[in-house]
Every structure is written in C-alpha cells, then in structure tokens.
C-alpha cells in the first residue's frame, strides 16, 4: 500500500485572484452595489481569515442571498 501524498496548498491569495478574475469578466453584468458588497466581503476575509460573516449584519444578509441564488442555479 502506497503512503498518501499531500496535495500542495494553493497560494493564500489564489481565491481572491480567481474571484476577481471571474468577476472582472462579468463586471458589466454586475451592479455597483453588488461589486461594493463583494469588495466588502473580500476585505472582511482578508482581516478575519474567513468568510463566516457575523450574524445580524448587512454583509451576512447579502452573503446568504448570494448563496441561495447560487444554489438555485
């Protein structure tokens, strides 16, 4: 039996680069409000190291809506 090999970890900022690249391609379809919330979410992730936004905040409501819309499509 072969020992398990660990996968290399992605670069710590890879998620941000991928997110921004995706949204830059689709920016004309996104509103200024949506882009503002997304930037707020990225800033939160940079400060706290997680996307787990505290409950009872506007950012939390927005992220829940985005997750619901994503799950529906």
PDB file of N, CA and C in Angstrom:
ATOM      1  N   UNK A   1       0.837  -1.179   0.000  1.00  0.00           N
ATOM      2  CA  UNK A   1       0.000   0.000   0.000  1.00  0.00           C
ATOM      3  C   UNK A   1       0.887   1.249   0.000  1.00  0.00           C
ATOM      4  N   UNK A   2       0.588   2.168  -0.906  1.00  0.00           N
ATOM      5  CA  UNK A   2       1.376   3.395  -1.017  1.00  0.00           C
ATOM      6  C   UNK A   2       0.940   4.411   0.030  1.00  0.00           C
ATOM      7  N   UNK A   3       1.891   5.155   0.576  1.00  0.00           N
ATOM      8  CA  UNK A   3       1.509   6.200   1.531  1.00  0.00           C
ATOM      9  C   UNK A   3       0.760   7.318   0.812  1.00  0.00           C
ATOM     10  N   UNK A   4      -0.144   7.940   1.529  1.00  0.00           N
ATOM     11  CA  UNK A   4      -0.896   9.065   0.969  1.00  0.00           C
ATOM     12  C   UNK A   4       0.030  10.250   0.757  1.00  0.00           C
ATOM     13  N   UNK A   5      -0.130  10.896  -0.359  1.00  0.00           N
ATOM     14  CA  UNK A   5       0.666  12.089  -0.636  1.00  0.00           C
ATOM     15  C   UNK A   5      -0.233  13.313  -0.488  1.00  0.00           C
ATOM     16  N   UNK A   6       0.309  14.289   0.161  1.00  0.00           N
ATOM     17  CA  UNK A   6      -0.448  15.519   0.351  1.00  0.00           C
ATOM     18  C   UNK A   6      -0.413  16.356  -0.918  1.00  0.00           C
ATOM     19  N   UNK A   7      -1.548  16.971  -1.187  1.00  0.00           N
ATOM     20  CA  UNK A   7      -1.613  17.904  -2.313  1.00  0.00           C
ATOM     21  C   UNK A   7      -0.972  19.214  -1.874  1.00  0.00           C
ATOM     22  N   UNK A   8      -0.284  19.878  -2.782  1.00  0.00           N
ATOM     23  CA  UNK A   8       0.288  21.175  -2.394  1.00  0.00           C
ATOM     24  C   UNK A   8      -0.832  22.168  -2.106  1.00  0.00           C
ATOM     25  N   UNK A   9      -0.611  22.984  -1.109  1.00  0.00           N
ATOM     26  CA  UNK A   9      -1.607  24.004  -0.764  1.00  0.00           C
ATOM     27  C   UNK A   9      -1.585  25.109  -1.808  1.00  0.00           C
ATOM     28  N   UNK A  10      -2.767  25.632  -2.156  1.00  0.00           N
ATOM     29  CA  UNK A  10      -2.788  26.750  -3.102  1.00  0.00           C
ATOM     30  C   UNK A  10      -2.214  28.003  -2.452  1.00  0.00           C
ATOM     31  N   UNK A  11      -1.793  28.915  -3.276  1.00  0.00           N
ATOM     32  CA  UNK A  11      -1.284  30.192  -2.785  1.00  0.00           C
ATOM     33  C   UNK A  11      -2.371  30.843  -1.929  1.00  0.00           C
ATOM     34  N   UNK A  12      -2.016  31.469  -0.801  1.00  0.00           N
ATOM     35  CA  UNK A  12      -3.028  32.057   0.099  1.00  0.00           C
ATOM     36  C   UNK A  12      -3.956  33.075  -0.571  1.00  0.00           C
ATOM     37  N   UNK A  13      -3.497  33.726  -1.609  1.00  0.00           N
ATOM     38  CA  UNK A  13      -4.333  34.731  -2.270  1.00  0.00           C
ATOM     39  C   UNK A  13      -4.974  34.195  -3.548  1.00  0.00           C
ATOM     40  N   UNK A  14      -4.844  32.902  -3.800  1.00  0.00           N
ATOM     41  CA  UNK A  14      -5.383  32.325  -5.036  1.00  0.00           C
ATOM     42  C   UNK A  14      -6.891  32.535  -5.132  1.00  0.00           C
ATOM     43  N   UNK A  15      -7.610  32.395  -4.025  1.00  0.00           N
ATOM     44  CA  UNK A  15      -9.066  32.566  -4.037  1.00  0.00           C
ATOM     45  C   UNK A  15      -9.446  33.980  -4.465  1.00  0.00           C
ATOM     46  N   UNK A  16      -8.695  34.978  -3.980  1.00  0.00           N
ATOM     47  CA  UNK A  16      -9.010  36.367  -4.317  1.00  0.00           C
ATOM     48  C   UNK A  16      -8.734  36.631  -5.788  1.00  0.00           C
ATOM     49  N   UNK A  17      -7.613  36.104  -6.277  1.00  0.00           N
ATOM     50  CA  UNK A  17      -7.290  36.302  -7.691  1.00  0.00           C
ATOM     51  C   UNK A  17      -8.340  35.648  -8.578  1.00  0.00           C
ATOM     52  N   UNK A  18      -8.727  34.430  -8.236  1.00  0.00           N
ATOM     53  CA  UNK A  18      -9.731  33.724  -9.033  1.00  0.00           C
ATOM     54  C   UNK A  18     -11.071  34.452  -8.991  1.00  0.00           C
ATOM     55  N   UNK A  19     -11.464  34.921  -7.820  1.00  0.00           N
ATOM     56  CA  UNK A  19     -12.728  35.637  -7.674  1.00  0.00           C
ATOM     57  C   UNK A  19     -12.725  36.914  -8.494  1.00  0.00           C
ATOM     58  N   UNK A  20     -11.665  37.688  -8.352  1.00  0.00           N
ATOM     59  CA  UNK A  20     -11.595  38.953  -9.067  1.00  0.00           C
ATOM     60  C   UNK A  20     -11.538  38.723 -10.577  1.00  0.00           C
ATOM     61  N   UNK A  21     -10.809  37.694 -11.008  1.00  0.00           N
ATOM     62  CA  UNK A  21     -10.724  37.403 -12.444  1.00  0.00           C
ATOM     63  C   UNK A  21     -12.099  37.039 -12.992  1.00  0.00           C
ATOM     64  N   UNK A  22     -12.816  36.190 -12.269  1.00  0.00           N
ATOM     65  CA  UNK A  22     -14.151  35.794 -12.708  1.00  0.00           C
ATOM     66  C   UNK A  22     -15.069  36.999 -12.791  1.00  0.00           C
ATOM     67  N   UNK A  23     -15.080  37.810 -11.737  1.00  0.00           N
ATOM     68  CA  UNK A  23     -16.000  38.931 -11.692  1.00  0.00           C
ATOM     69  C   UNK A  23     -15.580  40.056 -12.640  1.00  0.00           C
ATOM     70  N   UNK A  24     -14.302  40.163 -12.935  1.00  0.00           N
ATOM     71  CA  UNK A  24     -13.866  41.164 -13.906  1.00  0.00           C
ATOM     72  C   UNK A  24     -14.418  40.824 -15.286  1.00  0.00           C
ATOM     73  N   UNK A  25     -14.479  39.536 -15.602  1.00  0.00           N
ATOM     74  CA  UNK A  25     -15.036  39.117 -16.886  1.00  0.00           C
ATOM     75  C   UNK A  25     -16.520  39.429 -16.973  1.00  0.00           C
ATOM     76  N   UNK A  26     -17.214  39.393 -15.849  1.00  0.00           N
ATOM     77  CA  UNK A  26     -18.656  39.590 -15.816  1.00  0.00           C
ATOM     78  C   UNK A  26     -19.065  40.931 -15.220  1.00  0.00           C
ATOM     79  N   UNK A  27     -18.130  41.853 -15.098  1.00  0.00           N
ATOM     80  CA  UNK A  27     -18.379  43.108 -14.387  1.00  0.00           C
ATOM     81  C   UNK A  27     -19.501  43.929 -15.009  1.00  0.00           C
ATOM     82  N   UNK A  28     -19.643  43.896 -16.329  1.00  0.00           N
ATOM     83  CA  UNK A  28     -20.693  44.697 -16.933  1.00  0.00           C
ATOM     84  C   UNK A  28     -22.074  44.212 -16.535  1.00  0.00           C
ATOM     85  N   UNK A  29     -22.191  42.959 -16.082  1.00  0.00           N
ATOM     86  CA  UNK A  29     -23.481  42.420 -15.668  1.00  0.00           C
ATOM     87  C   UNK A  29     -23.777  42.696 -14.190  1.00  0.00           C
ATOM     88  N   UNK A  30     -22.773  43.142 -13.461  1.00  0.00           N
ATOM     89  CA  UNK A  30     -22.920  43.334 -12.021  1.00  0.00           C
ATOM     90  C   UNK A  30     -23.135  44.802 -11.686  1.00  0.00           C
ATOM     91  N   UNK A  31     -23.986  45.038 -10.714  1.00  0.00           N
ATOM     92  CA  UNK A  31     -24.251  46.421 -10.309  1.00  0.00           C
ATOM     93  C   UNK A  31     -23.126  46.951  -9.421  1.00  0.00           C
ATOM     94  N   UNK A  32     -23.075  48.243  -9.304  1.00  0.00           N
ATOM     95  CA  UNK A  32     -22.078  48.875  -8.433  1.00  0.00           C
ATOM     96  C   UNK A  32     -22.293  48.449  -6.987  1.00  0.00           C
ATOM     97  N   UNK A  33     -23.561  48.277  -6.586  1.00  0.00           N
ATOM     98  CA  UNK A  33     -23.861  47.836  -5.226  1.00  0.00           C
ATOM     99  C   UNK A  33     -23.314  46.429  -4.977  1.00  0.00           C
ATOM    100  N   UNK A  34     -23.509  45.534  -5.950  1.00  0.00           N
ATOM    101  CA  UNK A  34     -23.016  44.156  -5.817  1.00  0.00           C
ATOM    102  C   UNK A  34     -21.497  44.142  -5.700  1.00  0.00           C
ATOM    103  N   UNK A  35     -20.835  44.902  -6.565  1.00  0.00           N
ATOM    104  CA  UNK A  35     -19.374  44.962  -6.531  1.00  0.00           C
ATOM    105  C   UNK A  35     -18.876  45.541  -5.211  1.00  0.00           C
ATOM    106  N   UNK A  36     -19.601  46.528  -4.677  1.00  0.00           N
ATOM    107  CA  UNK A  36     -19.234  47.101  -3.385  1.00  0.00           C
ATOM    108  C   UNK A  36     -19.330  46.086  -2.262  1.00  0.00           C
ATOM    109  N   UNK A  37     -20.406  45.311  -2.259  1.00  0.00           N
ATOM    110  CA  UNK A  37     -20.557  44.265  -1.231  1.00  0.00           C
ATOM    111  C   UNK A  37     -19.489  43.193  -1.378  1.00  0.00           C
ATOM    112  N   UNK A  38     -19.172  42.831  -2.628  1.00  0.00           N
ATOM    113  CA  UNK A  38     -18.152  41.819  -2.856  1.00  0.00           C
ATOM    114  C   UNK A  38     -16.799  42.303  -2.347  1.00  0.00           C
ATOM    115  N   UNK A  39     -16.460  43.558  -2.613  1.00  0.00           N
ATOM    116  CA  UNK A  39     -15.208  44.123  -2.093  1.00  0.00           C
ATOM    117  C   UNK A  39     -15.218  44.121  -0.562  1.00  0.00           C
ATOM    118  N   UNK A  40     -16.371  44.435   0.020  1.00  0.00           N
ATOM    119  CA  UNK A  40     -16.505  44.414   1.480  1.00  0.00           C
ATOM    120  C   UNK A  40     -16.262  42.995   2.013  1.00  0.00           C
ATOM    121  N   UNK A  41     -16.800  42.003   1.314  1.00  0.00           N
ATOM    122  CA  UNK A  41     -16.594  40.612   1.719  1.00  0.00           C
ATOM    123  C   UNK A  41     -15.124  40.212   1.607  1.00  0.00           C
ATOM    124  N   UNK A  42     -14.463  40.620   0.531  1.00  0.00           N
ATOM    125  CA  UNK A  42     -13.042  40.308   0.382  1.00  0.00           C
ATOM    126  C   UNK A  42     -12.202  40.987   1.469  1.00  0.00           C
ATOM    127  N   UNK A  43     -12.556  42.216   1.805  1.00  0.00           N
ATOM    128  CA  UNK A  43     -11.842  42.922   2.872  1.00  0.00           C
ATOM    129  C   UNK A  43     -12.052  42.217   4.213  1.00  0.00           C
ATOM    130  N   UNK A  44     -13.273  41.758   4.458  1.00  0.00           N
ATOM    131  CA  UNK A  44     -13.565  41.017   5.689  1.00  0.00           C
ATOM    132  C   UNK A  44     -12.718  39.745   5.741  1.00  0.00           C
ATOM    133  N   UNK A  45     -12.656  39.021   4.619  1.00  0.00           N
ATOM    134  CA  UNK A  45     -11.882  37.777   4.547  1.00  0.00           C
ATOM    135  C   UNK A  45     -10.401  38.042   4.810  1.00  0.00           C
ATOM    136  N   UNK A  46      -9.907  39.151   4.292  1.00  0.00           N
ATOM    137  CA  UNK A  46      -8.501  39.493   4.496  1.00  0.00           C
ATOM    138  C   UNK A  46      -8.227  39.801   5.974  1.00  0.00           C
ATOM    139  N   UNK A  47      -9.144  40.514   6.626  1.00  0.00           N
ATOM    140  CA  UNK A  47      -8.960  40.873   8.037  1.00  0.00           C
ATOM    141  C   UNK A  47      -9.120  39.676   8.958  1.00  0.00           C
ATOM    142  N   UNK A  48     -10.179  38.874   8.730  1.00  0.00           N
ATOM    143  CA  UNK A  48     -10.539  37.822   9.671  1.00  0.00           C
ATOM    144  C   UNK A  48     -10.062  36.425   9.265  1.00  0.00           C
ATOM    145  N   UNK A  49      -9.739  36.246   7.977  1.00  0.00           N
ATOM    146  CA  UNK A  49      -9.274  34.939   7.521  1.00  0.00           C
ATOM    147  C   UNK A  49     -10.398  33.950   7.255  1.00  0.00           C
ATOM    148  N   UNK A  50     -11.628  34.431   7.189  1.00  0.00           N
ATOM    149  CA  UNK A  50     -12.773  33.555   6.974  1.00  0.00           C
ATOM    150  C   UNK A  50     -13.884  34.313   6.256  1.00  0.00           C
ATOM    151  N   UNK A  51     -14.753  33.544   5.612  1.00  0.00           N
ATOM    152  CA  UNK A  51     -15.944  34.141   5.003  1.00  0.00           C
ATOM    153  C   UNK A  51     -17.143  34.039   5.942  1.00  0.00           C
ATOM    154  N   UNK A  52     -16.945  33.543   7.142  1.00  0.00           N
ATOM    155  CA  UNK A  52     -18.034  33.404   8.119  1.00  0.00           C
ATOM    156  C   UNK A  52     -18.345  34.775   8.715  1.00  0.00           C
ATOM    157  N   UNK A  53     -19.233  35.477   8.070  1.00  0.00           N
ATOM    158  CA  UNK A  53     -19.604  36.834   8.479  1.00  0.00           C
ATOM    159  C   UNK A  53     -20.507  36.751   9.712  1.00  0.00           C
ATOM    160  N   UNK A  54     -20.335  37.655  10.689  1.00  0.00           N
ATOM    161  CA  UNK A  54     -21.171  37.628  11.886  1.00  0.00           C
ATOM    162  C   UNK A  54     -22.658  37.784  11.553  1.00  0.00           C
ATOM    163  N   UNK A  55     -23.512  37.122  12.330  1.00  0.00           N
ATOM    164  CA  UNK A  55     -24.956  37.241  12.088  1.00  0.00           C
ATOM    165  C   UNK A  55     -25.455  38.657  12.352  1.00  0.00           C
ATOM    166  N   UNK A  56     -26.634  38.916  11.824  1.00  0.00           N
ATOM    167  CA  UNK A  56     -27.333  40.187  12.054  1.00  0.00           C
ATOM    168  C   UNK A  56     -26.570  41.386  11.501  1.00  0.00           C
ATOM    169  N   UNK A  57     -25.905  41.199  10.369  1.00  0.00           N
ATOM    170  CA  UNK A  57     -25.244  42.318   9.696  1.00  0.00           C
ATOM    171  C   UNK A  57     -25.730  42.350   8.249  1.00  0.00           C
ATOM    172  N   UNK A  58     -25.601  43.510   7.625  1.00  0.00           N
ATOM    173  CA  UNK A  58     -25.988  43.632   6.220  1.00  0.00           C
ATOM    174  C   UNK A  58     -25.146  42.711   5.338  1.00  0.00           C
ATOM    175  N   UNK A  59     -23.855  42.607   5.661  1.00  0.00           N
ATOM    176  CA  UNK A  59     -22.982  41.739   4.867  1.00  0.00           C
ATOM    177  C   UNK A  59     -23.411  40.287   4.984  1.00  0.00           C
ATOM    178  N   UNK A  60     -23.857  39.863   6.160  1.00  0.00           N
ATOM    179  CA  UNK A  60     -24.323  38.486   6.349  1.00  0.00           C
ATOM    180  C   UNK A  60     -25.580  38.235   5.515  1.00  0.00           C
ATOM    181  N   UNK A  61     -26.505  39.191   5.534  1.00  0.00           N
ATOM    182  CA  UNK A  61     -27.727  39.036   4.730  1.00  0.00           C
ATOM    183  C   UNK A  61     -27.384  38.931   3.249  1.00  0.00           C
ATOM    184  N   UNK A  62     -26.434  39.750   2.811  1.00  0.00           N
ATOM    185  CA  UNK A  62     -26.034  39.731   1.411  1.00  0.00           C
ATOM    186  C   UNK A  62     -25.388  38.386   1.047  1.00  0.00           C
ATOM    187  N   UNK A  63     -24.486  37.886   1.900  1.00  0.00           N
ATOM    188  CA  UNK A  63     -23.824  36.608   1.595  1.00  0.00           C
ATOM    189  C   UNK A  63     -24.830  35.468   1.583  1.00  0.00           C
ATOM    190  N   UNK A  64     -25.801  35.486   2.479  1.00  0.00           N
ATOM    191  CA  UNK A  64     -26.821  34.436   2.479  1.00  0.00           C
ATOM    192  C   UNK A  64     -27.639  34.480   1.187  1.00  0.00           C
ATOM    193  N   UNK A  65     -27.985  35.677   0.735  1.00  0.00           N
ATOM    194  CA  UNK A  65     -28.723  35.818  -0.513  1.00  0.00           C
ATOM    195  C   UNK A  65     -27.900  35.283  -1.687  1.00  0.00           C
ATOM    196  N   UNK A  66     -26.603  35.595  -1.710  1.00  0.00           N
ATOM    197  CA  UNK A  66     -25.740  35.116  -2.796  1.00  0.00           C
ATOM    198  C   UNK A  66     -25.671  33.580  -2.786  1.00  0.00           C
ATOM    199  N   UNK A  67     -25.565  33.001  -1.607  1.00  0.00           N
ATOM    200  CA  UNK A  67     -25.502  31.540  -1.504  1.00  0.00           C
ATOM    201  C   UNK A  67     -26.822  30.896  -1.959  1.00  0.00           C
ATOM    202  N   UNK A  68     -27.937  31.500  -1.594  1.00  0.00           N
ATOM    203  CA  UNK A  68     -29.232  30.985  -2.019  1.00  0.00           C
ATOM    204  C   UNK A  68     -29.381  31.058  -3.531  1.00  0.00           C
ATOM    205  N   UNK A  69     -28.982  32.188  -4.105  1.00  0.00           N
ATOM    206  CA  UNK A  69     -29.075  32.351  -5.554  1.00  0.00           C
ATOM    207  C   UNK A  69     -28.143  31.387  -6.281  1.00  0.00           C
ATOM    208  N   UNK A  70     -26.964  31.175  -5.728  1.00  0.00           N
ATOM    209  CA  UNK A  70     -26.021  30.243  -6.342  1.00  0.00           C
ATOM    210  C   UNK A  70     -26.568  28.805  -6.302  1.00  0.00           C
ATOM    211  N   UNK A  71     -27.157  28.437  -5.180  1.00  0.00           N
ATOM    212  CA  UNK A  71     -27.714  27.085  -5.035  1.00  0.00           C
ATOM    213  C   UNK A  71     -28.884  26.865  -5.975  1.00  0.00           C
ATOM    214  N   UNK A  72     -29.628  27.930  -6.284  1.00  0.00           N
ATOM    215  CA  UNK A  72     -30.787  27.813  -7.162  1.00  0.00           C
ATOM    216  C   UNK A  72     -30.385  27.636  -8.622  1.00  0.00           C
ATOM    217  N   UNK A  73     -29.166  27.997  -8.962  1.00  0.00           N
ATOM    218  CA  UNK A  73     -28.729  27.903 -10.370  1.00  0.00           C
ATOM    219  C   UNK A  73     -27.746  26.828 -10.465  1.00  0.00           C
TER     220      UNK A  73
END
